[in-house]
């Protein structure tokens, strides 16, 4: 019998799964005593560490009592659902990690549903039991109920539960006695998760993720489903559409800790990385050379949102970025398509712009943020929701939205959601908060997070996942105030901003370079206003006896990339460069704008 356990970790954003993996790595002494590792070892890209979310699925493996445990870290965010399903194909069991205070969240449910449907066995870990006012027993009941609602089998319902705190590095079957190690968890994995079965026969391995190395090129990662794979062996690559390519494997690596270890062969049940293959996609099967049999290709979630990406053509283009032409943009998007599954790119009528489809604002903004850090300049149009025609009726994506908020703020939240065509399904108290569930069109979510966080003074916790496509719900009101637009090019001047403060709130501060047509603030009224904030104070008649008034300027409003994407309207763009995020009208010239409005 083979001593391999393949296990995927499922958890909601921020319930501590990457921290748990860190502790497992330390427990199995992957690092030499003196090696500095830093926390969150797996979140190895800057964006993941900053936001504390896992974007890409990753693989690690540890040895425990002569059993090899392959751990697959999955993203918890529904925007990255495309990642999750592929990963579950590699696992024999899942570790469901739940926060002892928050209980199971909608996105946990989304992944768990897929895991149970594939017949995987689960171990439940209730984490953060050291936090004050947590309620491990209630959460345990909630998890059981969730399993039951997701039609788990009797065997799946009989899940072992482990309590603990991954931050403090202990786990135990009883939450009232803290231990000092996480060994009870590792014992449970070895005991309850079925070992990877050995399947004899011809080779089958599905490519479920890829790695990229500038030295070797693309590396295929997957689990050997049947037979065994050897280095330098010829094989057939079965594509998604059934085409077959004859290729040869160069080298094979297995995961050993965080490193990859070169091996001569890998038997069925283990996860490995293969180099030297060209032209493969995720979901293809590496099969026997003589009689290839493909595995069922993975269904990937459909995109729900699209945005236009164009090159930066503002008066300030090329000031900050290294990559500014449409060729650079095209190459970068093509490179992203290789590893980002849920993304699609379509050409538009113009050679400078591309229509990019993704799973949601978060998914697209992470791509833009990554590009921005690499030195790209680009402009983004307003996010559009993808609409389908089903039997001649317009259908749009509907999401299930969960909001946890303090009792006194529920009225405001309900008002905001119902303005955006949301319908309330459930409302129940939960500790000192109230949990509400709504059905809401995906386009109603654009800009909703800001509104709700402002209304609840930052106390609300929001989460959403795609439910289905339903008939079009009707119009949703957009932004209800106009914008202030710059008339001149030059640095903003404190004297002018001070004089025009009663016109609205500003997004720029004195000294910022601005150009005509740039959005520099929010108007008090619903229409747009063009103003000039580049005029200096006239210095004649200096010696008159009038006293100088001191200027008091309100601080500017800062926009994050996502906030800017949600703020703009149809006739506006977000300009993204490595150093700045600006908003502008598509037509910069004031007279041309008026002409096009009349048409």
Foldseek 3Di string as FASTA:
>chain_A
DAQEAEEEEEEAQPLQPLLLVVQVLVQLPVDDPPDDQDGSNPQPDPVCVVVSWRQAKDWAWGADPNHIYIYIYFTQAQLNVLRLLLSLVLHQAYEYEAEQAPAGDPSSLVSVLSNQVVVHAYAYEHEDPVDPPGHNVVSVVVVLVSCVVSVHDPRNSPHQYWYYYSVQAFIGSDVVDTDRHPVVVVVCSSPPRDAQDFAEDWWKWAFRAWDADPVQGIKTKTFTAYHKAFAQAWWWKQAQVGDIDIGTWHWKWAHHGNDTHTDGMDGGSGMIITTDDPDHAHQIMTTHHPDGDTDNGDDGDEFFKKKKKFFDPDPCPPPFFDAGAQVSVVVLVVVCCRGRPNKDWAPDPDSGMIMITGRALVGVVVSVLVVQQVGYWIKIFAMDTDWDQDPNFIWHWKKKKKKKAAPVLPVVLVVLQVLQVKAWDDWADRVRIIITIIIGTRLSPQLSVVSSCVSRVNGMDMGMHIDGIDGDRDDHDADQWAFEWEQAWDFFALVLCQVCVVQFAFQDDGGDTDHFQWGTGTGPHRYYHYDHRPDDDDCPPVPDPDDDDDGDHDDHDHDDPSRVSSRDDRQKMWIRHSVDTTIGGVDRHPVVVVVVVVD
